[in-house]
Protein backbone atom coordinates (compact mmCIF):
# COMPACT_ATOMS: atom_id res chain seq x y z
CA MET A 1 20.76 -25.95 -6.60
CA GLY A 2 19.19 -29.40 -7.00
CA ALA A 3 15.87 -30.13 -8.61
CA SER A 4 14.09 -30.75 -5.35
CA ILE A 5 12.91 -27.96 -3.12
CA PRO A 6 14.82 -27.53 0.16
CA ILE A 7 13.24 -28.51 3.45
CA ALA A 8 11.09 -25.78 5.00
CA VAL A 9 12.41 -23.83 7.94
CA THR A 10 10.89 -25.30 11.10
CA THR A 11 9.53 -21.94 12.20
CA LEU A 12 6.98 -21.84 9.38
CA ALA A 13 3.39 -22.06 10.55
CA THR A 14 2.23 -24.98 8.42
CA SER A 15 -1.42 -24.17 8.97
CA ARG A 16 -1.15 -20.61 7.70
CA LEU A 17 1.90 -20.44 5.44
CA PRO A 18 2.56 -22.37 2.21
CA ARG A 19 3.45 -26.05 2.36
CA VAL A 20 6.78 -27.02 0.80
CA LEU A 21 6.19 -29.18 -2.27
CA SER A 22 8.15 -32.01 -3.78
CA SER A 23 9.85 -31.50 -7.13
CA GLY A 24 7.10 -33.52 -8.81
CA ASP A 25 4.58 -30.83 -7.97
CA SER A 26 6.57 -28.12 -9.69
CA PRO A 27 5.21 -26.72 -12.98
CA ILE A 28 8.84 -26.49 -14.16
CA PRO A 29 10.83 -29.47 -12.87
CA GLY A 30 14.51 -30.07 -12.50
CA LYS A 31 17.05 -28.38 -14.73
CA ALA A 32 14.42 -26.12 -16.32
CA ALA A 33 13.47 -24.68 -12.93
CA ARG A 34 17.10 -23.92 -12.18
CA GLY A 35 17.43 -22.17 -15.52
CA LEU A 36 14.30 -20.09 -14.89
CA ARG A 37 15.54 -18.98 -11.48
CA ALA A 38 18.92 -17.96 -12.84
CA ALA A 39 17.42 -16.11 -15.81
CA LEU A 40 14.92 -14.24 -13.67
CA LEU A 41 17.55 -13.14 -11.15
CA ARG A 42 19.90 -11.95 -13.91
CA TRP A 43 17.08 -9.94 -15.44
CA TYR A 44 16.15 -8.47 -12.05
CA GLU A 45 19.71 -7.37 -11.31
CA ALA A 46 19.88 -5.55 -14.66
CA ASN A 47 16.35 -4.12 -14.88
CA ARG A 48 14.86 -3.60 -11.42
CA ARG A 49 13.48 -0.18 -10.65
CA ASP A 50 15.50 2.01 -8.31
CA LEU A 51 13.20 2.05 -5.29
CA PRO A 52 14.33 3.20 -1.81
CA TRP A 53 13.11 0.10 0.04
CA ARG A 54 15.31 -2.07 -2.18
CA THR A 55 18.51 -0.57 -0.82
CA THR A 56 18.00 -1.82 2.73
CA ASP A 57 17.55 -4.98 4.74
CA ASP A 58 16.13 -3.04 7.70
CA PRO A 59 12.90 -4.88 8.60
CA TYR A 60 11.28 -1.65 9.79
CA ARG A 61 11.75 0.12 6.44
CA ILE A 62 10.74 -2.97 4.49
CA TRP A 63 7.62 -3.33 6.66
CA VAL A 64 6.60 0.32 6.16
CA SER A 65 7.03 0.03 2.39
CA GLU A 66 5.02 -3.19 2.18
CA ILE A 67 2.11 -1.72 4.15
CA MET A 68 2.14 1.47 2.06
CA LEU A 69 2.21 -0.48 -1.20
CA GLN A 70 -0.96 -2.42 -0.39
CA GLN A 71 -3.59 -1.31 -2.92
CA THR A 72 -1.47 1.75 -3.77
CA ARG A 73 0.67 2.57 -6.81
CA VAL A 74 4.44 2.80 -6.39
CA ALA A 75 4.47 6.38 -7.74
CA ALA A 76 2.00 7.47 -5.05
CA VAL A 77 4.04 5.83 -2.28
CA LEU A 78 7.52 7.22 -2.99
CA GLU A 79 7.13 10.72 -1.49
CA HIS A 80 4.97 9.50 1.40
CA TYR A 81 7.59 6.88 2.22
CA ARG A 82 10.33 9.51 2.39
CA ILE A 83 8.31 11.87 4.57
CA PHE A 84 7.09 9.09 6.85
CA LEU A 85 10.62 7.86 7.54
CA GLU A 86 11.81 11.40 8.20
CA ARG A 87 9.15 11.74 10.89
CA PHE A 88 9.44 8.19 12.22
CA PRO A 89 12.93 6.86 11.39
CA ASN A 90 12.58 3.70 13.47
CA VAL A 91 10.01 1.58 15.23
CA ARG A 92 10.55 3.33 18.58
CA ALA A 93 9.80 6.73 17.06
CA LEU A 94 6.65 5.37 15.45
CA ALA A 95 5.48 3.73 18.65
CA ALA A 96 6.06 6.92 20.65
CA ALA A 97 4.03 9.09 18.26
CA SER A 98 0.37 9.93 18.68
CA GLU A 99 -2.17 8.36 16.36
CA ASP A 100 -2.97 11.82 14.96
CA ALA A 101 0.68 12.33 14.04
CA VAL A 102 0.79 8.98 12.26
CA LEU A 103 -2.43 9.70 10.36
CA SER A 104 -1.10 13.14 9.41
CA ALA A 105 2.00 11.58 7.85
CA TRP A 106 -0.21 9.02 6.11
CA SER A 107 -2.64 11.59 4.72
CA GLY A 108 -3.12 11.17 0.99
CA LEU A 109 -2.37 7.44 0.86
CA GLY A 110 -5.90 6.39 1.81
CA TYR A 111 -7.02 3.16 3.49
CA TYR A 112 -6.22 4.71 6.86
CA ARG A 113 -6.79 1.51 8.78
CA ARG A 114 -3.35 0.51 7.51
CA ALA A 115 -1.80 3.45 9.36
CA ARG A 116 -3.67 2.68 12.56
CA MET A 117 -2.60 -0.96 12.45
CA LEU A 118 0.98 0.07 11.66
CA HIS A 119 0.98 2.26 14.76
CA ARG A 120 -0.56 -0.46 16.90
CA CYS A 121 1.95 -3.01 15.63
CA ALA A 122 4.89 -0.68 16.35
CA ARG A 123 3.76 -0.28 19.94
CA GLN A 124 3.47 -4.02 20.37
CA ILE A 125 6.96 -4.60 18.96
CA VAL A 126 8.41 -2.00 21.32
CA GLU A 127 6.49 -3.05 24.41
CA GLU A 128 6.68 -6.83 24.00
CA ASN A 129 9.85 -7.39 21.99
CA ALA A 130 12.18 -4.54 23.02
CA ALA A 131 11.79 -2.89 19.59
CA ARG A 132 13.22 -5.93 17.78
CA PHE A 133 11.36 -7.40 14.83
CA PRO A 134 10.67 -11.13 14.90
CA GLN A 135 12.98 -12.85 12.44
CA ASN A 136 10.68 -15.49 11.00
CA SER A 137 7.39 -15.42 9.15
CA GLU A 138 5.40 -17.32 11.77
CA ALA A 139 6.16 -14.78 14.51
CA LEU A 140 5.64 -11.85 12.15
CA LEU A 141 2.25 -13.23 11.16
CA ALA A 142 1.14 -13.03 14.78
CA LEU A 143 1.55 -9.22 14.82
CA PRO A 144 -1.42 -6.91 14.23
CA GLY A 145 -1.85 -5.76 10.64
CA ILE A 146 0.67 -8.26 9.21
CA GLY A 147 -0.86 -10.89 6.98
CA ARG A 148 0.51 -13.86 5.12
CA TYR A 149 2.04 -11.89 2.25
CA THR A 150 3.61 -9.17 4.44
CA ALA A 151 5.06 -11.71 6.88
CA ALA A 152 6.68 -13.62 4.04
CA ALA A 153 7.96 -10.45 2.36
CA ILE A 154 9.65 -9.13 5.52
CA ALA A 155 11.05 -12.54 6.49
CA SER A 156 12.49 -13.27 3.05
CA ILE A 157 13.88 -9.81 2.28
CA ALA A 158 15.16 -8.78 5.72
CA PHE A 159 16.09 -12.19 7.16
CA ALA A 160 16.57 -14.43 4.08
CA GLU A 161 13.98 -16.93 5.25
CA PRO A 162 13.17 -19.25 2.31
CA VAL A 163 9.48 -18.49 2.14
CA ALA A 164 7.68 -17.34 -1.02
CA VAL A 165 5.33 -14.39 -1.41
CA VAL A 166 2.18 -14.16 -3.47
CA ASP A 167 0.58 -10.91 -4.54
CA GLY A 168 -1.48 -10.14 -7.63
CA ASN A 169 1.63 -9.87 -9.80
CA VAL A 170 3.07 -13.18 -8.65
CA GLU A 171 -0.28 -14.89 -9.08
CA ARG A 172 -0.53 -13.69 -12.69
CA VAL A 173 3.04 -14.80 -13.52
CA LEU A 174 2.42 -18.26 -12.08
CA GLU A 175 -0.88 -18.70 -13.91
CA ARG A 176 0.78 -17.83 -17.20
CA LEU A 177 3.78 -20.05 -16.53
CA THR A 178 1.53 -23.02 -15.74
CA GLY A 179 -1.14 -22.14 -18.29
CA ARG A 180 -4.00 -22.67 -15.87
CA THR A 181 -6.10 -20.86 -13.31
CA LEU A 182 -4.85 -21.62 -9.81
CA THR A 183 -6.68 -21.62 -6.52
CA ALA A 184 -5.13 -19.61 -3.70
CA PRO A 185 -3.59 -22.70 -2.01
CA GLN A 186 -2.22 -23.90 -5.37
CA THR A 187 -0.70 -20.49 -6.05
CA TRP A 188 1.13 -20.41 -2.72
CA ARG A 189 2.39 -23.97 -3.24
CA GLN A 190 3.65 -23.24 -6.75
CA ALA A 191 5.36 -20.07 -5.55
CA GLN A 192 7.12 -21.98 -2.78
CA THR A 193 8.16 -24.74 -5.20
CA LEU A 194 9.68 -22.27 -7.65
CA LEU A 195 11.43 -20.13 -5.01
CA ASP A 196 15.20 -19.74 -5.20
CA THR A 197 15.96 -20.53 -1.58
CA SER A 198 19.56 -19.28 -1.80
CA ARG A 199 18.27 -15.74 -2.54
CA PRO A 200 14.64 -15.72 -1.43
CA GLY A 201 14.31 -11.97 -0.97
CA ASP A 202 15.71 -11.13 -4.39
CA PHE A 203 13.71 -13.88 -6.07
CA ASN A 204 10.44 -12.77 -4.47
CA GLN A 205 11.06 -9.19 -5.54
CA ALA A 206 12.03 -10.36 -9.03
CA MET A 207 8.74 -12.23 -9.42
CA MET A 208 6.78 -9.16 -8.31
CA GLU A 209 8.84 -6.87 -10.56
CA LEU A 210 8.28 -9.15 -13.54
CA GLY A 211 4.52 -9.03 -13.03
CA ALA A 212 4.48 -5.27 -12.46
CA THR A 213 6.60 -4.25 -15.45
CA VAL A 214 6.58 -7.03 -18.09
CA CYS A 215 3.95 -9.71 -17.39
CA THR A 216 1.24 -7.09 -17.03
CA PRO A 217 -2.52 -7.79 -16.92
CA ARG A 218 -3.12 -6.37 -20.39
CA GLU A 219 -0.69 -6.39 -23.30
CA PRO A 220 2.18 -8.26 -21.60
CA ARG A 221 5.56 -7.62 -23.21
CA CYS A 222 6.40 -11.25 -23.87
CA GLY A 223 9.27 -10.38 -26.20
CA GLU A 224 11.11 -8.80 -23.23
CA CYS A 225 10.31 -11.55 -20.73
CA PRO A 226 13.37 -13.32 -19.30
CA VAL A 227 11.40 -16.52 -18.61
CA ARG A 228 9.34 -16.76 -21.81
CA LYS A 229 10.97 -20.06 -22.87
CA TRP A 230 9.43 -21.70 -19.79
CA CYS A 231 6.02 -20.03 -20.13
CA ILE A 232 3.09 -22.10 -21.40
CA ALA A 233 0.63 -19.24 -21.89
CA ARG A 234 2.99 -16.71 -23.56
CA GLY A 235 0.65 -13.90 -22.55
CA HIS A 236 -2.55 -15.74 -23.44
CA GLY A 237 -3.39 -16.93 -19.95
CA PRO A 238 -6.53 -16.24 -17.91
CA ARG A 239 -8.18 -12.92 -18.67
CA PRO A 240 -7.65 -10.09 -16.16
CA ARG A 241 -10.30 -9.94 -13.49
CA ALA A 242 -12.87 -7.27 -14.19
CA VAL A 243 -12.38 -4.03 -12.27
CA PRO A 244 -15.60 -2.96 -10.54
CA ARG A 245 -17.17 0.07 -12.17
CA GLN A 246 -16.84 3.13 -9.95
CA LYS A 247 -19.91 4.83 -8.59
CA LYS A 248 -20.18 8.54 -9.32
CA LYS A 249 -21.14 11.13 -6.73
CA VAL A 250 -21.25 14.95 -6.61
CA ILE A 251 -20.57 16.82 -3.36
CA TRP A 252 -20.21 20.48 -2.33
CA LEU A 253 -17.68 21.66 0.25
CA ALA A 254 -17.25 24.99 2.04
CA PHE A 255 -13.75 26.46 2.04
CA ASP A 256 -13.92 29.11 4.79
CA CYS A 257 -10.58 30.76 5.47
CA ARG A 258 -9.66 33.76 7.64
CA PRO A 259 -6.53 35.62 6.58
CA GLY A 260 -3.85 36.01 9.23
CA GLY A 261 -2.16 39.11 10.55
CA SER A 262 1.54 39.80 11.00
CA SER A 263 1.94 37.12 13.66
CA THR A 264 -0.23 34.34 12.23
CA GLN A 265 -0.84 32.52 8.96
CA GLY A 266 -4.61 32.56 9.27
CA LYS A 267 -7.24 29.97 10.10
CA ILE A 268 -9.37 27.46 8.25
CA ARG A 269 -12.72 26.05 9.33
CA LEU A 270 -12.75 22.23 9.49
CA VAL A 271 -14.91 19.47 10.93
CA ARG A 272 -13.74 16.20 12.41
CA ARG A 273 -15.29 12.97 11.24
CA PRO A 274 -16.88 10.94 14.05
CA LYS A 275 -14.76 8.22 15.64
CA ASP A 276 -17.41 5.56 15.01
CA VAL A 277 -17.76 5.88 11.21
CA SER A 278 -16.27 3.16 9.01
CA LEU A 279 -14.57 5.51 6.54
CA MET A 280 -11.69 7.70 7.78
CA PRO A 281 -12.81 7.96 11.43
CA GLY A 282 -11.36 10.90 13.33
CA MET A 283 -9.94 12.64 10.25
CA TRP A 284 -10.33 16.37 9.67
CA GLU A 285 -12.04 17.67 6.52
CA LEU A 286 -13.78 20.66 4.98
CA PRO A 287 -17.48 20.97 5.88
CA GLN A 288 -19.85 19.44 3.35
CA LEU A 289 -23.02 21.22 2.24
CA SER A 290 -26.23 19.23 2.41
CA MET A 291 -27.57 21.02 -0.70
CA PRO A 292 -25.82 22.81 -3.58
CA PRO A 293 -26.03 26.62 -3.72
CA ARG A 294 -28.97 28.18 -5.57
CA GLN A 295 -26.54 29.79 -7.99
CA PRO A 296 -23.80 27.16 -8.24
CA ALA A 297 -21.92 28.75 -11.11
CA ALA A 298 -21.64 32.07 -9.31
CA THR A 299 -20.47 30.64 -5.99
CA ARG A 300 -18.23 27.77 -7.09
CA TRP A 301 -14.53 28.43 -6.56
CA ARG A 302 -13.03 25.26 -8.05
CA THR A 303 -13.95 21.70 -8.98
CA PHE A 304 -11.87 18.65 -8.13
CA ARG A 305 -11.96 14.98 -9.08
CA HIS A 306 -11.28 12.51 -6.29
CA SER A 307 -11.63 8.73 -5.92
CA ILE A 308 -12.17 6.77 -2.71
CA THR A 309 -12.34 2.97 -3.05
CA VAL A 310 -15.09 2.36 -5.66
CA THR A 311 -16.57 5.89 -5.69
CA GLU A 312 -15.48 8.69 -8.02
CA TYR A 313 -16.36 12.11 -6.63
CA THR A 314 -16.90 15.38 -8.42
CA VAL A 315 -16.14 17.92 -5.70
CA HIS A 316 -17.34 21.51 -6.05
CA VAL A 317 -15.82 23.94 -3.56
CA VAL A 318 -17.35 27.28 -2.55
CA ARG A 319 -15.55 29.99 -0.59
CA ASP A 320 -18.62 31.72 0.80
CA PRO A 321 -18.78 31.30 4.61
CA ALA A 322 -22.52 31.97 4.56
CA ARG A 323 -23.04 28.71 2.71
CA LEU A 324 -21.95 26.62 5.69
CA ASP A 325 -24.93 24.59 6.91
CA SER A 326 -26.25 25.62 10.31
CA SER A 327 -26.15 21.97 11.38
CA LEU A 328 -22.39 21.91 10.82
CA ARG A 329 -21.56 25.19 12.50
CA PRO A 330 -21.44 23.78 16.05
CA ARG A 331 -19.05 21.02 14.89
CA ALA A 332 -16.85 23.23 12.73
CA LYS A 333 -13.66 24.45 14.37
CA TRP A 334 -11.29 27.23 13.43
CA ILE A 335 -7.86 25.64 13.01
CA GLU A 336 -4.66 27.70 12.79
CA ALA A 337 -2.89 27.14 9.49
CA TYR A 338 0.43 26.30 11.16
CA ARG A 339 -1.22 23.27 12.81
CA LEU A 340 -2.49 21.76 9.56
CA PRO A 341 0.66 19.79 8.60
CA HIS A 342 0.38 17.95 11.92
CA LEU A 343 -3.32 17.10 11.75
CA PRO A 344 -4.83 13.94 10.24
CA LEU A 345 -6.42 15.57 7.19
CA THR A 346 -8.30 13.55 4.61
CA GLY A 347 -6.53 13.27 1.27
CA LEU A 348 -9.22 15.34 -0.44
CA THR A 349 -8.94 18.12 2.14
CA ARG A 350 -5.16 18.19 1.80
CA LYS A 351 -5.51 18.44 -1.98
CA ILE A 352 -7.92 21.39 -1.73
CA LEU A 353 -5.87 23.24 0.89
CA LYS A 354 -2.76 22.89 -1.26
CA ALA A 355 -4.63 24.29 -4.25
CA GLY A 356 -5.76 27.21 -2.10
CA GLY A 357 -2.22 27.95 -0.91
CA VAL A 358 -3.05 27.22 2.72
CA ILE A 359 -0.50 24.41 3.11
């Protein structure tokens, strides 16, 4: 590969995707850039984690993984990814499903708007494009729920389009390589300049893997870094951005369960969140008490810890049906236990029902 960066594919949306830079703009020009690319790809081939979405070039499976991985740890995604693909093995199956079925499969991953947009996008691909994924980043970017990063990730990994990706890991690697804080446009330009256009999908994943496993926010393992000889900062780059302190909140929930007979598994009383609320609309959950019991220690069954966005909850659960607020009784519904795996339960509710042996 020469020192200059190849010409951009004509399908790139120049107003929304990164501009291709000249070699003079590169933080690592010429022969050094070629050496960095080769070293990074060799390291990636030998050290990459064995993740299921890395064994396929199916745009559907890559798309699902990229949406799930947004703001979610890899360890939390793995089992959800497997179950989701068992239920919806292709884009037609996903498009044909009900929203409740999609939310049920997503339960526990959080940020449920992602699941709704995934479902909406699948239907658009089926209805308007005969279930075929667009094969370039510009067309992918026009789909609901697919942003700049996701469009570039799918296009480069599934279709080998020479377009770079930028996530938090890539941004950190680039800032340390260049030794300076970069604006968002500068980051995208530097990523595109450095991209190995002969293997764009592998190179993009290698950059993300490097940031996730070696060039970490705190205590980077510079001695193990395959590109340390080209790095200006050597781990001493810009400080990690401060993580917002979580708010703390205590809530009480009523776990009201009727045992089943010989022909049924029993029932559980749940309420459905209104459709017009901003957080988890339409999801099913255990009823919440407006006030704690007068004798909390005597009535509490179990206590759970649960985090949602920037709030950390201490969740006390009681199993006394009499504690259910009268205001919630009209909204509370008895749900047969066999239906629970197919309902869109909140992650907290699913956690509690599993602990109680209901699901």
